[in-house]
């Protein structure tokens, strides 16, 4: 087998593949290996801008951080960004190709596999070890033909596979045995063992099950990973609505984000959800927007459709009322576009060609264009001249008089807009809250007088280290590493 590549596959989506890869990457990086993450195919609306000017899934950017690397488009050569229930934008090696429906992409997989293998080969020439994350489950019978995300990739590069299952979901033995049974013999043979993830309780009570599993399958359990309460690793796509805010007796403000049908890069708000001064809430469909100090309109993969979604939910009217009563409003990316008068899509980039009426809070209009803008940027906010860094991912250009009152100076150019009364802000900048200075400036603008400091960048580093520490305690790392040295752990 390929002695440089190890793949983590899962019995289900959200089995913990992303975090296992991040933790293993950090362990190997600590031990002096040149290690890189890889995910052949990802479907997610949380994305990151790479050092080479491309776009990849957010989870691979986190895994790159675990390796001590800048994210690169080769780490996730195929990214699918859904813009409806049946179609998605296809991004190949960091660049948007076109929108395809599920049938069209199925036919395109043979071409996509060429890009996958090219990217993997380039990484293999640069790094000692490649840790690969699968997608969903390898046992999806209807998706196995032409698979590039799981066993199709593993077979193509001849790499060993570890199969992970989430015991917190229940039925963990059925997950593992059932998945194994649905694989071909050659695919079964390349699985070197199992990892059981998110265990709670006394491990001795699980031992009889582990013994049965090993006897039944002839494959070892390589570790049982404990459930890590409060582990803050940015999500690949699912929104975590849990209240993990650090307790404080200090003043707080209420911040609300409506969950759009195609919300993207909701990881922008992870730091707010954790901040001690903020009562943060994601509000989902069917729920009214509560009274708040600050409402944030997030990014979206389908801005015009989600603008209509806002109206259908009654949120459009609620946001107008919020502003009439003096509440602060911030629009990020698609949220900025919604704050203007009109959004034009003459080419049908995101949906049927046409135009939609926005809130009209800012005197701008936006035209969507075929070429997506991908930029990693830094600069200073108009608010307190605070330093800010982040990234832009958008397929539109905004123009209008409101831009003459910019929200920031980014790379020495005016950026975004602020209303003349200072109540409403619009920006294309993702990652606005990651830097302590910019986060504090925006929160003070929103009405928080005393902002408690929190180093979010260090918090992310600490979380990756916490994860790696847990894997070092619970996994049979020598056995896992032996497959990377000899190409076979059996």
Protein backbone atom coordinates (compact mmCIF):
# COMPACT_ATOMS: atom_id res chain seq x y z
CA UNK A 1 0.00 0.00 0.00
CA UNK A 2 0.90 3.69 -0.40
CA UNK A 3 3.14 4.29 2.61
CA UNK A 4 2.69 8.08 2.62
CA UNK A 5 -1.10 8.27 2.71
CA UNK A 6 -3.60 7.27 5.40
CA UNK A 7 -7.35 7.81 4.96
CA UNK A 8 -10.00 8.29 7.65
CA UNK A 9 -13.47 7.26 6.51
CA UNK A 10 -16.66 7.33 8.56
CA UNK A 11 -19.73 5.15 8.84
CA UNK A 12 -21.88 8.29 8.66
CA UNK A 13 -21.66 12.00 8.06
CA UNK A 14 -20.46 13.85 11.18
CA UNK A 15 -18.73 10.74 12.54
CA UNK A 16 -15.79 12.93 13.56
CA UNK A 17 -13.61 12.47 10.47
CA UNK A 18 -12.62 16.14 10.27
CA UNK A 19 -11.52 16.33 13.89
CA UNK A 20 -9.69 12.99 13.78
CA UNK A 21 -7.71 14.17 10.76
CA UNK A 22 -6.92 17.50 12.45
CA UNK A 23 -5.77 15.73 15.62
CA UNK A 24 -3.60 13.20 13.78
CA UNK A 25 -2.07 16.00 11.71
CA UNK A 26 -1.10 17.90 14.86
CA UNK A 27 0.39 14.77 16.47
CA UNK A 28 2.55 14.02 13.42
CA UNK A 29 3.55 17.68 13.10
CA UNK A 30 4.67 17.66 16.74
CA UNK A 31 6.80 14.60 16.01
CA UNK A 32 8.64 16.32 13.18
CA UNK A 33 6.81 14.89 10.17
CA UNK A 34 6.05 17.12 7.23
CA UNK A 35 2.32 16.35 7.11
CA UNK A 36 -0.54 17.75 5.01
CA UNK A 37 -4.32 17.21 5.04
CA UNK A 38 -6.34 16.16 2.00
CA UNK A 39 -10.01 15.74 1.20
CA UNK A 40 -10.73 14.60 -2.36
CA UNK A 41 -14.30 15.86 -2.45
CA UNK A 42 -16.11 18.10 -0.01
CA UNK A 43 -19.67 19.43 0.05
CA UNK A 44 -19.88 22.50 2.28
CA UNK A 45 -20.90 26.14 2.34
CA UNK A 46 -18.16 27.03 4.83
CA UNK A 47 -15.05 27.75 2.81
CA UNK A 48 -11.67 29.44 3.09
CA UNK A 49 -9.41 31.36 0.73
CA UNK A 50 -6.07 29.66 0.14
CA UNK A 51 -2.57 31.05 -0.13
CA UNK A 52 -2.65 30.39 -3.89
CA UNK A 53 -5.90 32.34 -4.35
CA UNK A 54 -8.28 29.39 -4.43
CA UNK A 55 -11.24 28.22 -2.37
CA UNK A 56 -11.44 25.06 -0.25
CA UNK A 57 -13.62 23.64 2.50
CA UNK A 58 -13.21 25.26 5.91
CA UNK A 59 -12.34 21.96 7.58
CA UNK A 60 -9.24 21.57 5.39
CA UNK A 61 -8.11 25.08 6.40
CA UNK A 62 -8.39 24.03 10.06
CA UNK A 63 -6.47 20.83 9.31
CA UNK A 64 -3.79 22.87 7.55
CA UNK A 65 -3.49 24.96 10.72
CA UNK A 66 -3.02 21.72 12.66
CA UNK A 67 -0.09 20.95 10.34
CA UNK A 68 1.40 24.42 10.76
CA UNK A 69 0.65 25.17 7.10
CA UNK A 70 -1.16 27.80 5.08
CA UNK A 71 -4.18 26.24 3.32
CA UNK A 72 -3.66 25.37 -0.36
CA UNK A 73 -6.19 24.51 -3.05
CA UNK A 74 -4.59 21.06 -3.54
CA UNK A 75 -5.77 20.10 -0.04
CA UNK A 76 -9.40 19.96 -1.27
CA UNK A 77 -9.40 19.68 -5.07
CA UNK A 78 -13.18 19.21 -5.44
CA UNK A 79 -15.54 21.45 -3.45
CA UNK A 80 -19.29 21.40 -4.02
CA UNK A 81 -21.25 24.42 -2.74
CA UNK A 82 -25.01 23.68 -2.87
CA UNK A 83 -27.18 26.49 -4.19
CA UNK A 84 -30.40 24.46 -4.23
CA UNK A 85 -31.62 21.03 -3.14
CA UNK A 86 -30.56 19.53 -6.48
CA UNK A 87 -27.62 21.59 -7.75
CA UNK A 88 -24.28 22.94 -6.59
CA UNK A 89 -21.42 25.12 -7.74
CA UNK A 90 -18.48 22.88 -8.63
CA UNK A 91 -15.06 24.20 -7.60
CA UNK A 92 -12.03 22.36 -9.01
CA UNK A 93 -8.58 22.97 -7.51
CA UNK A 94 -9.80 26.22 -5.97
CA UNK A 95 -11.57 27.73 -8.97
CA UNK A 96 -15.33 27.79 -9.63
CA UNK A 97 -16.12 25.77 -12.74
CA UNK A 98 -19.91 25.81 -13.18
CA UNK A 99 -23.17 24.83 -11.54
CA UNK A 100 -24.19 21.19 -11.98
CA UNK A 101 -27.10 19.09 -10.85
CA UNK A 102 -26.49 15.74 -9.17
CA UNK A 103 -26.77 13.78 -12.42
CA UNK A 104 -24.43 16.15 -14.25
CA UNK A 105 -21.79 15.90 -11.54
CA UNK A 106 -22.10 12.10 -11.45
CA UNK A 107 -21.17 12.07 -15.14
CA UNK A 108 -18.34 14.55 -14.48
CA UNK A 109 -16.68 12.46 -11.78
CA UNK A 110 -14.17 10.78 -14.08
CA UNK A 111 -12.81 14.23 -15.03
CA UNK A 112 -12.89 15.38 -11.40
CA UNK A 113 -10.89 12.30 -10.38
CA UNK A 114 -8.04 13.46 -12.63
CA UNK A 115 -7.85 16.72 -10.66
CA UNK A 116 -8.03 14.79 -7.37
CA UNK A 117 -5.11 12.54 -8.30
CA UNK A 118 -3.04 15.46 -9.64
CA UNK A 119 -3.46 17.36 -6.37
CA UNK A 120 -2.67 14.30 -4.28
CA UNK A 121 0.48 13.62 -6.30
CA UNK A 122 1.69 17.19 -5.86
CA UNK A 123 1.20 17.00 -2.10
CA UNK A 124 2.89 13.60 -1.98
CA UNK A 125 6.02 15.07 -3.56
CA UNK A 126 6.18 17.83 -0.91
CA UNK A 127 5.24 16.06 2.34
CA UNK A 128 6.22 12.96 4.31
CA UNK A 129 2.63 12.03 5.17
CA UNK A 130 -0.82 12.82 3.76
CA UNK A 131 -3.81 12.34 6.10
CA UNK A 132 -6.98 12.06 4.06
CA UNK A 133 -10.57 12.72 5.11
CA UNK A 134 -13.38 10.83 3.41
CA UNK A 135 -16.86 12.24 2.83
CA UNK A 136 -20.10 10.87 4.26
CA UNK A 137 -20.00 7.09 4.20
CA UNK A 138 -18.21 4.66 1.86
CA UNK A 139 -21.28 2.37 1.98
CA UNK A 140 -23.71 4.64 0.09
CA UNK A 141 -24.69 2.07 -2.54
CA UNK A 142 -26.22 4.62 -4.92
CA UNK A 143 -23.01 6.72 -4.94
CA UNK A 144 -20.40 4.00 -5.26
CA UNK A 145 -20.15 4.03 -9.06
CA UNK A 146 -17.40 6.46 -10.02
CA UNK A 147 -16.73 7.33 -6.36
CA UNK A 148 -13.91 9.81 -5.83
CA UNK A 149 -14.57 10.70 -2.18
CA UNK A 150 -14.05 7.43 -0.29
CA UNK A 151 -13.04 3.95 -1.44
CA UNK A 152 -12.78 5.03 -5.08
CA UNK A 153 -9.93 7.32 -4.08
CA UNK A 154 -8.40 4.83 -1.62
CA UNK A 155 -8.32 2.13 -4.31
CA UNK A 156 -6.88 4.55 -6.89
CA UNK A 157 -3.92 5.53 -4.68
CA UNK A 158 -3.76 2.16 -2.84
CA UNK A 159 -3.80 3.61 0.67
CA UNK A 160 -4.84 2.06 4.02
CA UNK A 161 -8.12 3.20 5.60
CA UNK A 162 -9.30 3.59 9.20
CA UNK A 163 -13.07 3.40 9.66
CA UNK A 164 -14.53 5.73 12.32
CA UNK A 165 -17.94 5.57 13.99
CA UNK A 166 -19.75 7.89 16.40
CA UNK A 167 -20.93 5.98 19.47
CA UNK A 168 -22.87 9.05 20.65
CA UNK A 169 -25.39 8.35 17.87
CA UNK A 170 -26.04 4.82 19.17
CA UNK A 171 -25.75 1.53 17.28
CA UNK A 172 -21.99 1.80 16.90
CA UNK A 173 -21.39 -1.92 16.32
CA UNK A 174 -24.10 -2.03 13.68
CA UNK A 175 -22.53 1.02 12.05
CA UNK A 176 -19.11 -0.62 11.79
CA UNK A 177 -20.14 -4.17 10.88
CA UNK A 178 -22.83 -2.99 8.47
CA UNK A 179 -20.49 -0.61 6.68
CA UNK A 180 -17.82 -3.30 6.39
CA UNK A 181 -20.31 -5.81 4.97
CA UNK A 182 -21.38 -3.40 2.22
CA UNK A 183 -17.83 -3.01 0.90
CA UNK A 184 -16.11 -5.16 -1.70
CA UNK A 185 -13.47 -7.62 -0.57
CA UNK A 186 -10.59 -5.44 -1.77
CA UNK A 187 -12.07 -2.47 0.08
CA UNK A 188 -12.52 -4.50 3.25
CA UNK A 189 -8.91 -5.64 3.02
CA UNK A 190 -7.56 -2.09 3.06
CA UNK A 191 -9.33 -1.19 6.32
CA UNK A 192 -6.63 -1.55 8.98
CA UNK A 193 -8.88 -0.97 11.97
CA UNK A 194 -11.62 1.01 13.67
CA UNK A 195 -11.85 4.15 15.79
CA UNK A 196 -14.87 4.65 18.01
CA UNK A 197 -15.47 8.32 18.56
CA UNK A 198 -17.26 10.44 21.22
CA UNK A 199 -17.45 7.85 23.99
CA UNK A 200 -18.87 8.79 27.40
CA UNK A 201 -18.59 6.64 30.48
CA UNK A 202 -16.55 3.75 31.85
CA UNK A 203 -14.51 2.09 29.09
CA UNK A 204 -14.61 -1.24 30.94
CA UNK A 205 -18.34 -1.48 30.21
CA UNK A 206 -17.56 -1.31 26.49
CA UNK A 207 -14.79 -3.91 26.49
CA UNK A 208 -16.96 -6.96 25.80
CA UNK A 209 -18.34 -5.20 22.72
CA UNK A 210 -14.87 -4.33 21.51
CA UNK A 211 -13.76 -7.95 21.92
CA UNK A 212 -16.81 -9.15 19.96
CA UNK A 213 -16.17 -6.60 17.19
CA UNK A 214 -12.56 -7.68 16.75
CA UNK A 215 -13.52 -11.37 16.74
CA UNK A 216 -16.38 -10.76 14.30
CA UNK A 217 -14.40 -8.69 11.78
CA UNK A 218 -10.80 -9.77 12.36
CA UNK A 219 -9.83 -6.10 12.56
CA UNK A 220 -8.47 -4.22 15.60
CA UNK A 221 -10.07 -1.36 17.44
CA UNK A 222 -7.34 1.26 17.21
CA UNK A 223 -8.85 3.46 19.88
CA UNK A 224 -11.92 4.71 21.71
CA UNK A 225 -11.89 8.51 21.79
CA UNK A 226 -13.65 10.25 24.65
CA UNK A 227 -16.32 12.87 24.10
CA UNK A 228 -14.55 16.21 24.56
CA UNK A 229 -16.97 18.64 26.16
CA UNK A 230 -16.51 22.19 24.95
CA UNK A 231 -14.06 21.34 22.14
CA UNK A 232 -14.12 24.31 19.78
CA UNK A 233 -13.10 23.14 16.30
CA UNK A 234 -14.77 25.07 13.48
CA UNK A 235 -17.57 23.07 11.87
CA UNK A 236 -17.37 21.79 8.33
CA UNK A 237 -20.98 22.76 7.61
CA UNK A 238 -23.46 22.03 10.42
CA UNK A 239 -24.47 24.92 12.65
CA UNK A 240 -23.85 24.38 16.34
CA UNK A 241 -26.60 26.21 18.20
CA UNK A 242 -25.26 25.20 21.62
CA UNK A 243 -24.71 27.86 24.24
CA UNK A 244 -20.99 27.51 24.98
CA UNK A 245 -20.47 31.10 26.11
CA UNK A 246 -18.06 31.51 28.99
CA UNK A 247 -19.99 32.56 32.12
CA UNK A 248 -19.54 36.16 33.19
CA UNK A 249 -21.17 38.64 35.52
CA UNK A 250 -20.22 41.51 33.24
CA UNK A 251 -22.53 43.48 30.97
CA UNK A 252 -23.79 41.58 27.92
CA UNK A 253 -25.46 42.42 24.64
CA UNK A 254 -27.85 40.32 22.56
CA UNK A 255 -26.63 39.36 19.07
CA UNK A 256 -28.91 37.51 16.65
CA UNK A 257 -28.11 35.84 13.30
CA UNK A 258 -31.01 34.57 11.15
CA UNK A 259 -30.17 31.18 9.63
CA UNK A 260 -30.71 31.56 5.89
CA UNK A 261 -31.60 28.55 3.76
CA UNK A 262 -28.15 28.68 2.05
CA UNK A 263 -26.17 30.34 4.85
CA UNK A 264 -22.44 30.27 4.16
CA UNK A 265 -19.38 30.81 6.34
CA UNK A 266 -21.37 30.81 9.56
CA UNK A 267 -18.01 30.13 11.21
CA UNK A 268 -17.70 33.94 11.15
CA UNK A 269 -19.79 33.89 14.33
CA UNK A 270 -18.09 31.11 16.27
CA UNK A 271 -16.08 33.61 18.30
CA UNK A 272 -19.23 35.58 19.16
CA UNK A 273 -20.94 32.41 20.34
CA UNK A 274 -18.05 31.81 22.73
CA UNK A 275 -17.51 35.40 23.89
CA UNK A 276 -18.24 36.13 27.55
CA UNK A 277 -20.04 39.43 26.85
CA UNK A 278 -22.45 38.15 24.23
CA UNK A 279 -25.84 36.48 24.47
CA UNK A 280 -25.64 34.96 20.97
CA UNK A 281 -28.44 33.20 19.12
CA UNK A 282 -28.86 31.60 15.71
CA UNK A 283 -32.56 31.87 14.80
CA UNK A 284 -33.85 29.16 12.52
CA UNK A 285 -36.82 28.97 10.14
CA UNK A 286 -40.22 29.16 11.75
CA UNK A 287 -38.99 31.25 14.68
CA UNK A 288 -39.38 34.96 15.28
CA UNK A 289 -36.37 37.20 15.68
CA UNK A 290 -36.08 38.16 19.36
CA UNK A 291 -35.31 41.65 20.59
CA UNK A 292 -31.59 42.28 20.09
CA UNK A 293 -28.91 44.93 20.26
CA UNK A 294 -27.33 43.71 17.02
CA UNK A 295 -28.72 41.69 14.11
CA UNK A 296 -26.19 40.29 11.64
CA UNK A 297 -27.22 39.26 8.13
CA UNK A 298 -24.78 36.45 7.19
CA UNK A 299 -23.34 35.22 3.93
CA UNK A 300 -25.38 33.12 1.51
CA UNK A 301 -24.70 30.97 -1.54
CA UNK A 302 -28.00 32.19 -3.10
CA UNK A 303 -28.46 35.81 -2.11
CA UNK A 304 -31.66 36.59 -4.04
CA UNK A 305 -33.34 33.36 -2.96
CA UNK A 306 -32.36 33.97 0.66
CA UNK A 307 -33.58 37.55 0.49
CA UNK A 308 -36.98 36.13 -0.45
CA UNK A 309 -36.55 33.55 2.33
CA UNK A 310 -36.08 36.40 4.82
CA UNK A 311 -39.32 37.94 3.66
CA UNK A 312 -41.20 34.63 3.77
CA UNK A 313 -40.07 34.07 7.38
CA UNK A 314 -41.29 37.49 8.46
CA UNK A 315 -37.71 38.45 9.32
CA UNK A 316 -37.59 41.26 6.74
CA UNK A 317 -40.34 43.13 8.59
CA UNK A 318 -38.77 42.34 11.98
CA UNK A 319 -35.40 43.73 10.86
CA UNK A 320 -37.02 46.94 9.62
CA UNK A 321 -38.71 47.33 13.01
CA UNK A 322 -35.42 46.62 14.77
CA UNK A 323 -33.79 49.48 12.89
CA UNK A 324 -36.70 51.88 13.49
CA UNK A 325 -36.21 51.37 17.22
CA UNK A 326 -32.49 52.10 17.01
CA UNK A 327 -31.02 48.60 16.86
CA UNK A 328 -27.70 48.07 15.09
CA UNK A 329 -27.57 46.05 11.84
CA UNK A 330 -24.50 44.47 10.20
CA UNK A 331 -24.49 42.76 6.81
CA UNK A 332 -21.61 40.47 5.83
CA UNK A 333 -21.08 39.50 2.16
CA UNK A 334 -24.58 38.55 0.91
CA UNK A 335 -25.85 40.45 3.95
CA UNK A 336 -24.18 43.60 2.60
CA UNK A 337 -25.81 43.05 -0.78
CA UNK A 338 -29.24 42.66 0.85
CA UNK A 339 -28.82 46.02 2.63
CA UNK A 340 -28.75 47.88 -0.70
CA UNK A 341 -31.55 48.88 -3.05
CA UNK A 342 -31.25 46.17 -5.69
CA UNK A 343 -29.43 42.89 -6.44
CA UNK A 344 -29.06 42.13 -10.14
CA UNK A 345 -28.23 38.72 -11.56
CA UNK A 346 -28.32 39.29 -15.34
CA UNK A 347 -26.41 36.11 -16.16
CA UNK A 348 -28.37 33.80 -13.85
CA UNK A 349 -25.25 33.11 -11.77
CA UNK A 350 -27.10 31.87 -8.67
CA UNK A 351 -30.64 31.30 -9.99
CA UNK A 352 -32.91 32.49 -12.79
CA UNK A 353 -31.72 35.77 -14.29
CA UNK A 354 -33.40 38.83 -12.82
CA UNK A 355 -33.30 41.43 -10.06
CA UNK A 356 -34.51 41.60 -6.46
CA UNK A 357 -35.38 44.54 -4.27
CA UNK A 358 -33.26 44.82 -1.11
CA UNK A 359 -33.82 46.64 2.17
CA UNK A 360 -32.67 49.98 0.79
CA UNK A 361 -30.85 50.82 4.01
CA UNK A 362 -27.62 51.59 2.12
CA UNK A 363 -27.52 53.56 -1.13
CA UNK A 364 -25.87 50.81 -3.18
CA UNK A 365 -26.80 48.20 -5.74
CA UNK A 366 -25.05 44.93 -6.53
CA UNK A 367 -24.53 43.06 -9.80
CA UNK A 368 -23.53 39.41 -9.67
CA UNK A 369 -20.77 38.41 -12.09
CA UNK A 370 -19.40 35.13 -13.41
CA UNK A 371 -15.96 35.52 -11.86
CA UNK A 372 -15.80 35.02 -8.10
CA UNK A 373 -13.61 37.35 -6.06
CA UNK A 374 -11.28 35.49 -3.67
CA UNK A 375 -8.97 37.61 -1.55
CA UNK A 376 -7.10 37.30 1.74
CA UNK A 377 -6.96 40.81 3.12
CA UNK A 378 -6.05 43.03 6.06
CA UNK A 379 -6.46 46.66 7.00
CA UNK A 380 -8.11 48.97 9.50
CA UNK A 381 -11.72 49.66 10.43
CA UNK A 382 -13.16 53.14 10.42
CA UNK A 383 -14.31 52.25 13.93
CA UNK A 384 -11.43 53.09 16.29
CA UNK A 385 -8.88 52.52 13.50
CA UNK A 386 -8.86 48.87 14.66
CA UNK A 387 -6.71 46.31 12.85
CA UNK A 388 -8.66 43.63 10.96
CA UNK A 389 -7.78 40.67 8.77
CA UNK A 390 -9.90 38.13 6.94
CA UNK A 391 -10.98 37.06 3.49
CA UNK A 392 -13.47 37.87 0.74
CA UNK A 393 -15.49 35.26 -1.19
CA UNK A 394 -18.22 36.76 -3.34
CA UNK A 395 -19.60 36.78 -6.86
CA UNK A 396 -20.82 40.36 -6.94
CA UNK A 397 -19.71 43.97 -7.23
CA UNK A 398 -21.45 46.68 -5.24
CA UNK A 399 -21.56 50.33 -6.34
CA UNK A 400 -23.23 53.47 -5.08
CA UNK A 401 -22.88 56.64 -3.00
CA UNK A 402 -22.92 54.78 0.34
CA UNK A 403 -19.46 53.42 -0.42
CA UNK A 404 -18.08 56.95 -0.03
CA UNK A 405 -18.54 56.45 3.72
CA UNK A 406 -16.47 53.24 4.00
CA UNK A 407 -16.47 50.83 6.92
CA UNK A 408 -12.77 50.06 6.52
CA UNK A 409 -9.57 50.61 4.60
CA UNK A 410 -8.55 47.20 3.26
CA UNK A 411 -5.21 46.85 1.52
CA UNK A 412 -5.18 50.66 1.17
CA UNK A 413 -8.56 50.86 -0.56
CA UNK A 414 -12.00 51.89 0.76
CA UNK A 415 -14.13 48.92 1.76
CA UNK A 416 -17.77 48.45 2.70
CA UNK A 417 -20.18 51.12 3.84
CA UNK A 418 -21.65 52.70 6.94
CA UNK A 419 -24.95 54.57 7.04
CA UNK A 420 -24.75 58.29 7.72
CA UNK A 421 -26.36 57.84 11.15
CA UNK A 422 -23.81 55.11 12.03
CA UNK A 423 -26.54 52.55 12.71
CA UNK A 424 -25.96 50.15 9.78
CA UNK A 425 -22.75 48.61 8.42
CA UNK A 426 -22.12 46.47 5.34
CA UNK A 427 -18.91 44.57 4.54
CA UNK A 428 -17.62 41.76 2.31
CA UNK A 429 -15.11 40.79 4.99
CA UNK A 430 -15.36 37.29 6.47
CA UNK A 431 -13.40 36.71 9.67
CA UNK A 432 -14.31 40.19 10.91
CA UNK A 433 -14.47 39.06 14.54
CA UNK A 434 -11.38 36.84 14.67
CA UNK A 435 -8.94 39.63 15.56
CA UNK A 436 -9.39 40.99 19.08
CA UNK A 437 -9.12 44.65 18.03
CA UNK A 438 -11.74 44.52 15.26
CA UNK A 439 -14.09 42.38 17.35
CA UNK A 440 -13.91 44.81 20.27
CA UNK A 441 -14.48 47.82 18.00
CA UNK A 442 -17.61 46.32 16.41
CA UNK A 443 -19.01 45.22 19.78
CA UNK A 444 -18.49 48.69 21.25
CA UNK A 445 -20.28 50.13 18.18
CA UNK A 446 -23.13 47.68 18.90
CA UNK A 447 -23.46 49.04 22.44
CA UNK A 448 -21.16 46.98 24.65
CA UNK A 449 -19.25 49.39 26.85
CA UNK A 450 -16.71 46.99 28.36
CA UNK A 451 -15.45 44.18 26.08
CA UNK A 452 -13.74 41.28 27.82
CA UNK A 453 -10.68 40.16 25.87
CA UNK A 454 -10.47 36.71 24.33
CA UNK A 455 -7.70 35.56 21.98
CA UNK A 456 -9.74 33.53 19.50
CA UNK A 457 -6.75 32.62 17.35
CA UNK A 458 -5.00 31.14 20.39
CA UNK A 459 -8.24 29.44 21.46
CA UNK A 460 -8.30 27.60 18.12
CA UNK A 461 -4.70 26.51 18.62
CA UNK A 462 -5.48 25.30 22.13
CA UNK A 463 -8.45 23.29 20.86
CA UNK A 464 -6.31 21.51 18.26
CA UNK A 465 -3.72 20.72 20.94
CA UNK A 466 -6.45 19.45 23.30
CA UNK A 467 -7.72 17.17 20.55
CA UNK A 468 -4.21 15.89 19.76
CA UNK A 469 -3.57 15.23 23.46
CA UNK A 470 -6.75 13.13 23.66
CA UNK A 471 -5.80 11.10 20.56
CA UNK A 472 -2.32 10.49 21.95
CA UNK A 473 -3.92 9.06 25.10
CA UNK A 474 -6.53 6.88 23.41
CA UNK A 475 -5.24 5.71 20.02
CA UNK A 476 -2.77 2.96 19.22
CA UNK A 477 -0.48 5.44 17.51
CA UNK A 478 2.40 3.02 17.03
CA UNK A 479 0.17 0.69 15.06
CA UNK A 480 -1.25 3.58 13.05
CA UNK A 481 2.21 4.98 12.31
CA UNK A 482 3.48 1.56 11.29
CA UNK A 483 1.14 1.57 8.31
CA UNK A 484 2.68 4.86 7.21
CA UNK A 485 6.17 3.41 7.47
CA UNK A 486 5.59 -0.07 6.05
CA UNK A 487 2.36 0.50 4.12
CA UNK A 488 0.57 -2.21 6.10
CA UNK A 489 -0.45 -2.31 9.78
CA UNK A 490 -1.75 -5.87 9.81
